[in-house]
């Protein structure tokens, strides 16, 4: 989305939101007003925080003050929360409008517990989500396999002392640069993406070569047994090179590039996948 400040409409009510720390933050007062129909949502929120002390602590710890426009257009510090924060607040609101959200949260919680006991349910749920978005079954199979390969890779890294998200990102970028000649950030720019997941916008062949680079890195890690972070980077580059070699060979055979600016946001790309 191009605009970083925007309004969302819920039941004909406008809720302010702002792009902050790589995610949407919503005006908590606006949410309270919509769900309670209070004539003084600010006062309602104050009483709510007093009545539910745990909520008060949660809001004080997790919910920042962010500049948002008032009805006059002026910016003013506004208490805001991300999606997780808003769901926490909804749990403490006694209102008929809040009940559907509470029931939905209860259903989601039940499903997650079931998935812990039977992981296949989680995979089935993911398939349904992708199908609802319009992805083809063949693409979904590759995407799910790619998730499994990625999990194998991160597990291998963790076993060898790589743990922070920053380190994962650096090593992933090394694989991508060696495989495709660009980092994930550069790849997203090529496809015109912003906060979307890059892999959800890869073509079938891009997913395959991405998997090959990561799966090759796993095997190289097992063989080379890297001890330092620089050695992990070397293994990642070597794994990516395997994917690059295979990609270049295929590109010569089919006389076209595998790397594409196609993404699932484009209507033509969506239609093309649905037709498969």
C-alpha atoms as a PDB file:
ATOM      1  CA  UNK A   1       0.000   0.000   0.000  1.00  0.00           C
ATOM      2  CA  UNK A   2       1.405   3.373  -1.011  1.00  0.00           C
ATOM      3  CA  UNK A   3      -0.068   5.447   1.797  1.00  0.00           C
ATOM      4  CA  UNK A   4       1.546   5.055   5.167  1.00  0.00           C
ATOM      5  CA  UNK A   5      -1.257   6.869   7.003  1.00  0.00           C
ATOM      6  CA  UNK A   6      -4.793   5.847   6.273  1.00  0.00           C
ATOM      7  CA  UNK A   7      -8.249   5.114   7.606  1.00  0.00           C
ATOM      8  CA  UNK A   8     -10.016   1.788   7.753  1.00  0.00           C
ATOM      9  CA  UNK A   9     -13.783   1.629   7.871  1.00  0.00           C
ATOM     10  CA  UNK A  10     -15.559  -0.771  10.223  1.00  0.00           C
ATOM     11  CA  UNK A  11     -19.361  -0.753  10.292  1.00  0.00           C
ATOM     12  CA  UNK A  12     -19.397   2.746   8.740  1.00  0.00           C
ATOM     13  CA  UNK A  13     -17.010   4.032  11.429  1.00  0.00           C
ATOM     14  CA  UNK A  14     -13.560   5.379  10.602  1.00  0.00           C
ATOM     15  CA  UNK A  15     -10.593   3.982  12.505  1.00  0.00           C
ATOM     16  CA  UNK A  16      -7.282   5.799  12.228  1.00  0.00           C
ATOM     17  CA  UNK A  17      -4.184   3.772  11.545  1.00  0.00           C
ATOM     18  CA  UNK A  18      -0.511   4.535  10.954  1.00  0.00           C
ATOM     19  CA  UNK A  19       2.364   2.495   9.515  1.00  0.00           C
ATOM     20  CA  UNK A  20       4.831   2.189  12.387  1.00  0.00           C
ATOM     21  CA  UNK A  21       7.754  -0.225  12.928  1.00  0.00           C
ATOM     22  CA  UNK A  22       6.878  -2.223   9.818  1.00  0.00           C
ATOM     23  CA  UNK A  23       3.228  -2.867  10.741  1.00  0.00           C
ATOM     24  CA  UNK A  24      -0.109  -1.117  11.080  1.00  0.00           C
ATOM     25  CA  UNK A  25      -0.962   0.513  14.392  1.00  0.00           C
ATOM     26  CA  UNK A  26      -4.580   1.450  15.083  1.00  0.00           C
ATOM     27  CA  UNK A  27      -6.065   4.158  17.288  1.00  0.00           C
ATOM     28  CA  UNK A  28      -7.220   2.372  20.443  1.00  0.00           C
ATOM     29  CA  UNK A  29      -9.769   5.088  21.260  1.00  0.00           C
ATOM     30  CA  UNK A  30     -11.318   4.668  17.799  1.00  0.00           C
ATOM     31  CA  UNK A  31     -11.564   0.896  18.312  1.00  0.00           C
ATOM     32  CA  UNK A  32     -13.211   1.394  21.705  1.00  0.00           C
ATOM     33  CA  UNK A  33     -15.668   3.892  20.248  1.00  0.00           C
ATOM     34  CA  UNK A  34     -16.710   1.516  17.483  1.00  0.00           C
ATOM     35  CA  UNK A  35     -17.169  -1.508  19.749  1.00  0.00           C
ATOM     36  CA  UNK A  36     -18.847   0.244  22.669  1.00  0.00           C
ATOM     37  CA  UNK A  37     -20.659   3.158  20.956  1.00  0.00           C
ATOM     38  CA  UNK A  38     -19.590   5.228  23.960  1.00  0.00           C
ATOM     39  CA  UNK A  39     -20.087   8.980  23.685  1.00  0.00           C
ATOM     40  CA  UNK A  40     -16.812   9.378  25.561  1.00  0.00           C
ATOM     41  CA  UNK A  41     -14.505   6.548  24.446  1.00  0.00           C
ATOM     42  CA  UNK A  42     -11.474   8.137  26.127  1.00  0.00           C
ATOM     43  CA  UNK A  43     -13.203   8.024  29.502  1.00  0.00           C
ATOM     44  CA  UNK A  44     -14.450   4.484  28.801  1.00  0.00           C
ATOM     45  CA  UNK A  45     -10.884   3.378  28.114  1.00  0.00           C
ATOM     46  CA  UNK A  46      -9.645   4.944  31.360  1.00  0.00           C
ATOM     47  CA  UNK A  47     -12.322   3.097  33.351  1.00  0.00           C
ATOM     48  CA  UNK A  48     -11.565  -0.102  31.445  1.00  0.00           C
ATOM     49  CA  UNK A  49      -7.889   0.095  32.381  1.00  0.00           C
ATOM     50  CA  UNK A  50      -8.781   0.638  36.046  1.00  0.00           C
ATOM     51  CA  UNK A  51     -11.265  -2.225  36.075  1.00  0.00           C
ATOM     52  CA  UNK A  52      -8.819  -4.619  34.369  1.00  0.00           C
ATOM     53  CA  UNK A  53      -5.456  -3.902  35.979  1.00  0.00           C
ATOM     54  CA  UNK A  54      -3.700  -6.506  33.830  1.00  0.00           C
ATOM     55  CA  UNK A  55      -4.970  -4.738  30.719  1.00  0.00           C
ATOM     56  CA  UNK A  56      -3.747  -1.437  32.118  1.00  0.00           C
ATOM     57  CA  UNK A  57      -0.271  -2.875  32.582  1.00  0.00           C
ATOM     58  CA  UNK A  58      -0.367  -4.445  29.108  1.00  0.00           C
ATOM     59  CA  UNK A  59      -1.343  -1.173  27.421  1.00  0.00           C
ATOM     60  CA  UNK A  60       1.228   0.795  29.386  1.00  0.00           C
ATOM     61  CA  UNK A  61       3.953  -1.644  28.376  1.00  0.00           C
ATOM     62  CA  UNK A  62       3.081  -2.409  24.769  1.00  0.00           C
ATOM     63  CA  UNK A  63       1.016   0.407  23.283  1.00  0.00           C
ATOM     64  CA  UNK A  64       2.908   3.536  22.135  1.00  0.00           C
ATOM     65  CA  UNK A  65       1.736   7.075  21.571  1.00  0.00           C
ATOM     66  CA  UNK A  66       1.886   7.767  17.824  1.00  0.00           C
ATOM     67  CA  UNK A  67       1.070  10.921  15.877  1.00  0.00           C
ATOM     68  CA  UNK A  68      -2.296  10.582  14.150  1.00  0.00           C
ATOM     69  CA  UNK A  69      -4.491  13.234  12.510  1.00  0.00           C
ATOM     70  CA  UNK A  70      -7.458  14.607  14.431  1.00  0.00           C
ATOM     71  CA  UNK A  71     -10.761  15.542  12.785  1.00  0.00           C
ATOM     72  CA  UNK A  72      -9.266  19.003  12.130  1.00  0.00           C
ATOM     73  CA  UNK A  73      -6.283  17.465  10.376  1.00  0.00           C
ATOM     74  CA  UNK A  74      -3.747  18.297  13.054  1.00  0.00           C
ATOM     75  CA  UNK A  75      -1.380  15.599  14.285  1.00  0.00           C
ATOM     76  CA  UNK A  76      -1.727  14.583  17.907  1.00  0.00           C
ATOM     77  CA  UNK A  77      -0.164  11.851  20.034  1.00  0.00           C
ATOM     78  CA  UNK A  78      -2.650   8.991  20.057  1.00  0.00           C
ATOM     79  CA  UNK A  79      -2.549   5.732  22.008  1.00  0.00           C
ATOM     80  CA  UNK A  80      -2.172   2.995  19.413  1.00  0.00           C
ATOM     81  CA  UNK A  81      -1.853  -0.768  19.203  1.00  0.00           C
ATOM     82  CA  UNK A  82      -0.987  -3.361  16.591  1.00  0.00           C
ATOM     83  CA  UNK A  83      -3.297  -6.249  15.719  1.00  0.00           C
ATOM     84  CA  UNK A  84      -2.195  -8.348  18.703  1.00  0.00           C
ATOM     85  CA  UNK A  85      -2.721  -5.423  21.078  1.00  0.00           C
ATOM     86  CA  UNK A  86      -6.191  -4.705  19.699  1.00  0.00           C
ATOM     87  CA  UNK A  87      -7.264  -8.315  20.191  1.00  0.00           C
ATOM     88  CA  UNK A  88      -6.044  -8.176  23.787  1.00  0.00           C
ATOM     89  CA  UNK A  89      -8.117  -5.054  24.414  1.00  0.00           C
ATOM     90  CA  UNK A  90     -11.210  -6.550  22.790  1.00  0.00           C
ATOM     91  CA  UNK A  91     -11.118  -9.407  25.302  1.00  0.00           C
ATOM     92  CA  UNK A  92     -11.776  -6.911  28.109  1.00  0.00           C
ATOM     93  CA  UNK A  93     -14.632  -5.047  26.420  1.00  0.00           C
ATOM     94  CA  UNK A  94     -18.153  -6.063  27.424  1.00  0.00           C
ATOM     95  CA  UNK A  95     -20.175  -5.265  24.347  1.00  0.00           C
ATOM     96  CA  UNK A  96     -22.365  -7.126  21.892  1.00  0.00           C
ATOM     97  CA  UNK A  97     -20.171  -5.869  19.063  1.00  0.00           C
ATOM     98  CA  UNK A  98     -17.109  -7.333  20.748  1.00  0.00           C
ATOM     99  CA  UNK A  99     -18.619 -10.798  21.162  1.00  0.00           C
ATOM    100  CA  UNK A 100     -18.079 -11.956  17.545  1.00  0.00           C
ATOM    101  CA  UNK A 101     -14.372 -11.115  17.887  1.00  0.00           C
ATOM    102  CA  UNK A 102     -14.163 -13.024  21.173  1.00  0.00           C
ATOM    103  CA  UNK A 103     -15.847 -16.066  19.655  1.00  0.00           C
ATOM    104  CA  UNK A 104     -13.495 -15.919  16.683  1.00  0.00           C
ATOM    105  CA  UNK A 105     -10.460 -15.703  18.987  1.00  0.00           C
ATOM    106  CA  UNK A 106     -11.764 -18.691  20.949  1.00  0.00           C
ATOM    107  CA  UNK A 107     -12.160 -20.658  17.708  1.00  0.00           C
ATOM    108  CA  UNK A 108      -8.648 -19.738  16.569  1.00  0.00           C
ATOM    109  CA  UNK A 109      -7.243 -20.782  19.952  1.00  0.00           C
ATOM    110  CA  UNK A 110      -9.051 -24.112  19.744  1.00  0.00           C
ATOM    111  CA  UNK A 111      -7.714 -24.732  16.226  1.00  0.00           C
ATOM    112  CA  UNK A 112      -4.130 -23.975  17.278  1.00  0.00           C
ATOM    113  CA  UNK A 113      -4.339 -26.441  20.183  1.00  0.00           C
ATOM    114  CA  UNK A 114      -5.676 -29.081  17.806  1.00  0.00           C
ATOM    115  CA  UNK A 115      -2.831 -28.364  15.383  1.00  0.00           C
ATOM    116  CA  UNK A 116      -0.257 -28.946  18.136  1.00  0.00           C
ATOM    117  CA  UNK A 117      -1.622 -32.471  18.591  1.00  0.00           C
ATOM    118  CA  UNK A 118      -1.998 -33.045  14.842  1.00  0.00           C
ATOM    119  CA  UNK A 119       0.380 -30.892  12.712  1.00  0.00           C
ATOM    120  CA  UNK A 120      -1.303 -32.051   9.497  1.00  0.00           C
ATOM    121  CA  UNK A 121      -4.247 -29.845  10.434  1.00  0.00           C
ATOM    122  CA  UNK A 122      -1.979 -26.790  10.275  1.00  0.00           C
ATOM    123  CA  UNK A 123      -0.841 -27.765   6.788  1.00  0.00           C
ATOM    124  CA  UNK A 124      -4.443 -28.283   5.683  1.00  0.00           C
ATOM    125  CA  UNK A 125      -5.372 -24.866   7.072  1.00  0.00           C
ATOM    126  CA  UNK A 126      -2.489 -23.233   5.199  1.00  0.00           C
ATOM    127  CA  UNK A 127      -3.571 -24.911   1.968  1.00  0.00           C
ATOM    128  CA  UNK A 128      -7.083 -23.557   2.430  1.00  0.00           C
ATOM    129  CA  UNK A 129      -5.771 -20.036   2.998  1.00  0.00           C
ATOM    130  CA  UNK A 130      -3.705 -20.105  -0.194  1.00  0.00           C
ATOM    131  CA  UNK A 131      -6.590 -21.633  -2.155  1.00  0.00           C
ATOM    132  CA  UNK A 132      -8.900 -18.865  -0.946  1.00  0.00           C
ATOM    133  CA  UNK A 133      -6.378 -16.316  -2.188  1.00  0.00           C
ATOM    134  CA  UNK A 134      -6.504 -17.930  -5.616  1.00  0.00           C
ATOM    135  CA  UNK A 135      -3.225 -19.832  -5.809  1.00  0.00           C
ATOM    136  CA  UNK A 136      -3.087 -23.008  -7.898  1.00  0.00           C
ATOM    137  CA  UNK A 137      -2.722 -26.380  -6.178  1.00  0.00           C
ATOM    138  CA  UNK A 138       0.611 -27.065  -7.877  1.00  0.00           C
ATOM    139  CA  UNK A 139       1.997 -23.735  -6.633  1.00  0.00           C
ATOM    140  CA  UNK A 140       0.675 -24.412  -3.116  1.00  0.00           C
ATOM    141  CA  UNK A 141       2.439 -27.792  -3.016  1.00  0.00           C
ATOM    142  CA  UNK A 142       5.742 -26.125  -3.887  1.00  0.00           C
ATOM    143  CA  UNK A 143       5.186 -23.337  -1.380  1.00  0.00           C
ATOM    144  CA  UNK A 144       4.492 -25.779   1.456  1.00  0.00           C
ATOM    145  CA  UNK A 145       7.521 -27.859   0.514  1.00  0.00           C
ATOM    146  CA  UNK A 146       9.566 -24.671   0.538  1.00  0.00           C
ATOM    147  CA  UNK A 147       8.389 -23.909   4.056  1.00  0.00           C
ATOM    148  CA  UNK A 148       9.562 -27.366   5.170  1.00  0.00           C
ATOM    149  CA  UNK A 149      12.962 -26.858   3.527  1.00  0.00           C
ATOM    150  CA  UNK A 150      13.283 -23.455   5.166  1.00  0.00           C
ATOM    151  CA  UNK A 151      12.503 -25.005   8.545  1.00  0.00           C
ATOM    152  CA  UNK A 152      15.184 -27.648   7.985  1.00  0.00           C
ATOM    153  CA  UNK A 153      17.666 -24.887   7.220  1.00  0.00           C
ATOM    154  CA  UNK A 154      16.880 -22.748  10.269  1.00  0.00           C
ATOM    155  CA  UNK A 155      16.970 -25.858  12.476  1.00  0.00           C
ATOM    156  CA  UNK A 156      20.408 -26.701  11.100  1.00  0.00           C
ATOM    157  CA  UNK A 157      21.616 -23.171  11.751  1.00  0.00           C
ATOM    158  CA  UNK A 158      20.281 -23.238  15.302  1.00  0.00           C
ATOM    159  CA  UNK A 159      22.028 -26.541  16.007  1.00  0.00           C
ATOM    160  CA  UNK A 160      25.274 -24.866  14.985  1.00  0.00           C
ATOM    161  CA  UNK A 161      24.873 -21.738  17.116  1.00  0.00           C
ATOM    162  CA  UNK A 162      23.114 -19.362  14.720  1.00  0.00           C
ATOM    163  CA  UNK A 163      20.109 -18.041  16.585  1.00  0.00           C
ATOM    164  CA  UNK A 164      19.319 -14.363  16.104  1.00  0.00           C
ATOM    165  CA  UNK A 165      16.884 -13.166  13.449  1.00  0.00           C
ATOM    166  CA  UNK A 166      19.520 -10.753  12.191  1.00  0.00           C
ATOM    167  CA  UNK A 167      21.950 -13.612  11.557  1.00  0.00           C
ATOM    168  CA  UNK A 168      19.218 -15.602   9.784  1.00  0.00           C
ATOM    169  CA  UNK A 169      18.544 -12.583   7.544  1.00  0.00           C
ATOM    170  CA  UNK A 170      22.215 -12.143   6.682  1.00  0.00           C
ATOM    171  CA  UNK A 171      22.680 -15.808   5.760  1.00  0.00           C
ATOM    172  CA  UNK A 172      19.418 -15.853   3.797  1.00  0.00           C
ATOM    173  CA  UNK A 173      20.604 -12.826   1.857  1.00  0.00           C
ATOM    174  CA  UNK A 174      23.858 -14.649   1.023  1.00  0.00           C
ATOM    175  CA  UNK A 175      21.910 -17.598  -0.389  1.00  0.00           C
ATOM    176  CA  UNK A 176      19.656 -15.288  -2.405  1.00  0.00           C
ATOM    177  CA  UNK A 177      22.556 -13.239  -3.806  1.00  0.00           C
ATOM    178  CA  UNK A 178      24.330 -16.399  -4.920  1.00  0.00           C
ATOM    179  CA  UNK A 179      21.142 -18.003  -6.314  1.00  0.00           C
ATOM    180  CA  UNK A 180      19.519 -15.018  -8.029  1.00  0.00           C
ATOM    181  CA  UNK A 181      22.114 -12.245  -7.999  1.00  0.00           C
ATOM    182  CA  UNK A 182      20.145 -10.087  -5.589  1.00  0.00           C
ATOM    183  CA  UNK A 183      19.170  -9.905  -1.935  1.00  0.00           C
ATOM    184  CA  UNK A 184      15.579 -10.578  -0.809  1.00  0.00           C
ATOM    185  CA  UNK A 185      15.093  -6.806  -0.384  1.00  0.00           C
ATOM    186  CA  UNK A 186      16.261  -6.177  -3.949  1.00  0.00           C
ATOM    187  CA  UNK A 187      14.091  -9.052  -5.170  1.00  0.00           C
ATOM    188  CA  UNK A 188      11.030  -7.535  -3.502  1.00  0.00           C
ATOM    189  CA  UNK A 189      11.793  -4.214  -5.164  1.00  0.00           C
ATOM    190  CA  UNK A 190      11.972  -5.970  -8.545  1.00  0.00           C
ATOM    191  CA  UNK A 191       8.505  -7.409  -7.952  1.00  0.00           C
ATOM    192  CA  UNK A 192       7.090  -4.133  -6.662  1.00  0.00           C
ATOM    193  CA  UNK A 193       6.504  -5.507  -3.168  1.00  0.00           C
ATOM    194  CA  UNK A 194       6.693  -3.674   0.138  1.00  0.00           C
ATOM    195  CA  UNK A 195       5.656  -5.511   3.310  1.00  0.00           C
ATOM    196  CA  UNK A 196       4.414  -8.634   1.506  1.00  0.00           C
ATOM    197  CA  UNK A 197       6.132 -12.009   1.829  1.00  0.00           C
ATOM    198  CA  UNK A 198       8.498 -12.432  -1.136  1.00  0.00           C
ATOM    199  CA  UNK A 199       7.998 -16.186  -1.423  1.00  0.00           C
ATOM    200  CA  UNK A 200       4.241 -15.749  -1.704  1.00  0.00           C
ATOM    201  CA  UNK A 201       4.922 -13.795  -4.890  1.00  0.00           C
ATOM    202  CA  UNK A 202       7.453 -16.092  -6.527  1.00  0.00           C
ATOM    203  CA  UNK A 203       6.627 -18.112  -9.617  1.00  0.00           C
ATOM    204  CA  UNK A 204       6.787 -21.909  -9.528  1.00  0.00           C
ATOM    205  CA  UNK A 205      10.351 -22.012 -10.875  1.00  0.00           C
ATOM    206  CA  UNK A 206      11.542 -19.253  -8.573  1.00  0.00           C
ATOM    207  CA  UNK A 207      10.235 -21.278  -5.637  1.00  0.00           C
ATOM    208  CA  UNK A 208      12.007 -24.384  -6.903  1.00  0.00           C
ATOM    209  CA  UNK A 209      15.399 -22.694  -7.250  1.00  0.00           C
ATOM    210  CA  UNK A 210      14.946 -20.924  -3.934  1.00  0.00           C
ATOM    211  CA  UNK A 211      14.349 -24.337  -2.346  1.00  0.00           C
ATOM    212  CA  UNK A 212      17.375 -25.784  -4.117  1.00  0.00           C
ATOM    213  CA  UNK A 213      19.629 -23.066  -2.723  1.00  0.00           C
ATOM    214  CA  UNK A 214      18.393 -23.569   0.824  1.00  0.00           C
ATOM    215  CA  UNK A 215      18.352 -27.380   0.675  1.00  0.00           C
ATOM    216  CA  UNK A 216      21.901 -27.344  -0.744  1.00  0.00           C
ATOM    217  CA  UNK A 217      23.010 -25.089   2.094  1.00  0.00           C
ATOM    218  CA  UNK A 218      21.646 -27.591   4.629  1.00  0.00           C
ATOM    219  CA  UNK A 219      23.688 -30.401   3.110  1.00  0.00           C
ATOM    220  CA  UNK A 220      26.827 -28.255   2.882  1.00  0.00           C
ATOM    221  CA  UNK A 221      26.393 -27.243   6.538  1.00  0.00           C
ATOM    222  CA  UNK A 222      26.229 -30.911   7.511  1.00  0.00           C
ATOM    223  CA  UNK A 223      29.312 -31.764   5.474  1.00  0.00           C
ATOM    224  CA  UNK A 224      31.510 -28.749   6.227  1.00  0.00           C
ATOM    225  CA  UNK A 225      30.447 -28.318   9.871  1.00  0.00           C
ATOM    226  CA  UNK A 226      31.081 -24.532   9.971  1.00  0.00           C
ATOM    227  CA  UNK A 227      32.154 -23.138  13.329  1.00  0.00           C
ATOM    228  CA  UNK A 228      32.245 -19.371  12.801  1.00  0.00           C
ATOM    229  CA  UNK A 229      29.648 -17.047  11.338  1.00  0.00           C
ATOM    230  CA  UNK A 230      31.921 -16.286   8.391  1.00  0.00           C
ATOM    231  CA  UNK A 231      32.057 -20.024   7.667  1.00  0.00           C
ATOM    232  CA  UNK A 232      28.248 -20.126   7.760  1.00  0.00           C
ATOM    233  CA  UNK A 233      28.228 -17.302   5.217  1.00  0.00           C
ATOM    234  CA  UNK A 234      30.587 -19.292   3.005  1.00  0.00           C
ATOM    235  CA  UNK A 235      28.309 -22.339   3.236  1.00  0.00           C
ATOM    236  CA  UNK A 236      25.298 -20.187   2.364  1.00  0.00           C
ATOM    237  CA  UNK A 237      27.043 -18.755  -0.683  1.00  0.00           C
ATOM    238  CA  UNK A 238      28.051 -22.249  -1.815  1.00  0.00           C
ATOM    239  CA  UNK A 239      24.482 -23.483  -1.419  1.00  0.00           C
ATOM    240  CA  UNK A 240      23.225 -20.563  -3.448  1.00  0.00           C
ATOM    241  CA  UNK A 241      25.790 -21.229  -6.178  1.00  0.00           C
ATOM    242  CA  UNK A 242      24.342 -24.721  -6.660  1.00  0.00           C
ATOM    243  CA  UNK A 243      20.941 -23.151  -7.391  1.00  0.00           C
ATOM    244  CA  UNK A 244      22.540 -20.550  -9.684  1.00  0.00           C
ATOM    245  CA  UNK A 245      24.298 -23.172 -11.792  1.00  0.00           C
ATOM    246  CA  UNK A 246      21.077 -25.155 -12.220  1.00  0.00           C
ATOM    247  CA  UNK A 247      19.112 -21.977 -12.973  1.00  0.00           C
ATOM    248  CA  UNK A 248      21.557 -20.808 -15.641  1.00  0.00           C
ATOM    249  CA  UNK A 249      21.521 -24.219 -17.333  1.00  0.00           C
ATOM    250  CA  UNK A 250      17.722 -24.198 -17.515  1.00  0.00           C
ATOM    251  CA  UNK A 251      17.605 -20.593 -18.724  1.00  0.00           C
ATOM    252  CA  UNK A 252      19.866 -21.536 -21.625  1.00  0.00           C
ATOM    253  CA  UNK A 253      17.652 -24.497 -22.479  1.00  0.00           C
ATOM    254  CA  UNK A 254      14.359 -22.572 -22.385  1.00  0.00           C
ATOM    255  CA  UNK A 255      15.882 -19.298 -23.691  1.00  0.00           C
ATOM    256  CA  UNK A 256      14.334 -17.073 -21.058  1.00  0.00           C
ATOM    257  CA  UNK A 257      15.083 -15.840 -17.565  1.00  0.00           C
ATOM    258  CA  UNK A 258      13.725 -17.593 -14.485  1.00  0.00           C
ATOM    259  CA  UNK A 259      13.889 -14.416 -12.407  1.00  0.00           C
ATOM    260  CA  UNK A 260      10.655 -12.524 -12.968  1.00  0.00           C
ATOM    261  CA  UNK A 261       8.967  -9.338 -11.857  1.00  0.00           C
ATOM    262  CA  UNK A 262       5.644 -11.207 -11.811  1.00  0.00           C
ATOM    263  CA  UNK A 263       3.851 -11.205  -8.477  1.00  0.00           C
ATOM    264  CA  UNK A 264       0.499 -12.333  -7.166  1.00  0.00           C
ATOM    265  CA  UNK A 265      -0.638  -8.736  -6.701  1.00  0.00           C
ATOM    266  CA  UNK A 266      -0.923  -8.391 -10.464  1.00  0.00           C
ATOM    267  CA  UNK A 267      -4.343  -9.394 -11.772  1.00  0.00           C
ATOM    268  CA  UNK A 268      -2.802 -10.995 -14.861  1.00  0.00           C
ATOM    269  CA  UNK A 269      -0.511 -13.132 -12.718  1.00  0.00           C
ATOM    270  CA  UNK A 270      -3.418 -14.158 -10.485  1.00  0.00           C
ATOM    271  CA  UNK A 271      -5.479 -15.150 -13.527  1.00  0.00           C
ATOM    272  CA  UNK A 272      -2.537 -17.065 -15.002  1.00  0.00           C
ATOM    273  CA  UNK A 273      -2.114 -19.119 -11.835  1.00  0.00           C
ATOM    274  CA  UNK A 274      -5.833 -19.840 -11.545  1.00  0.00           C
ATOM    275  CA  UNK A 275      -5.822 -21.219 -15.079  1.00  0.00           C
ATOM    276  CA  UNK A 276      -3.137 -23.813 -14.243  1.00  0.00           C
END
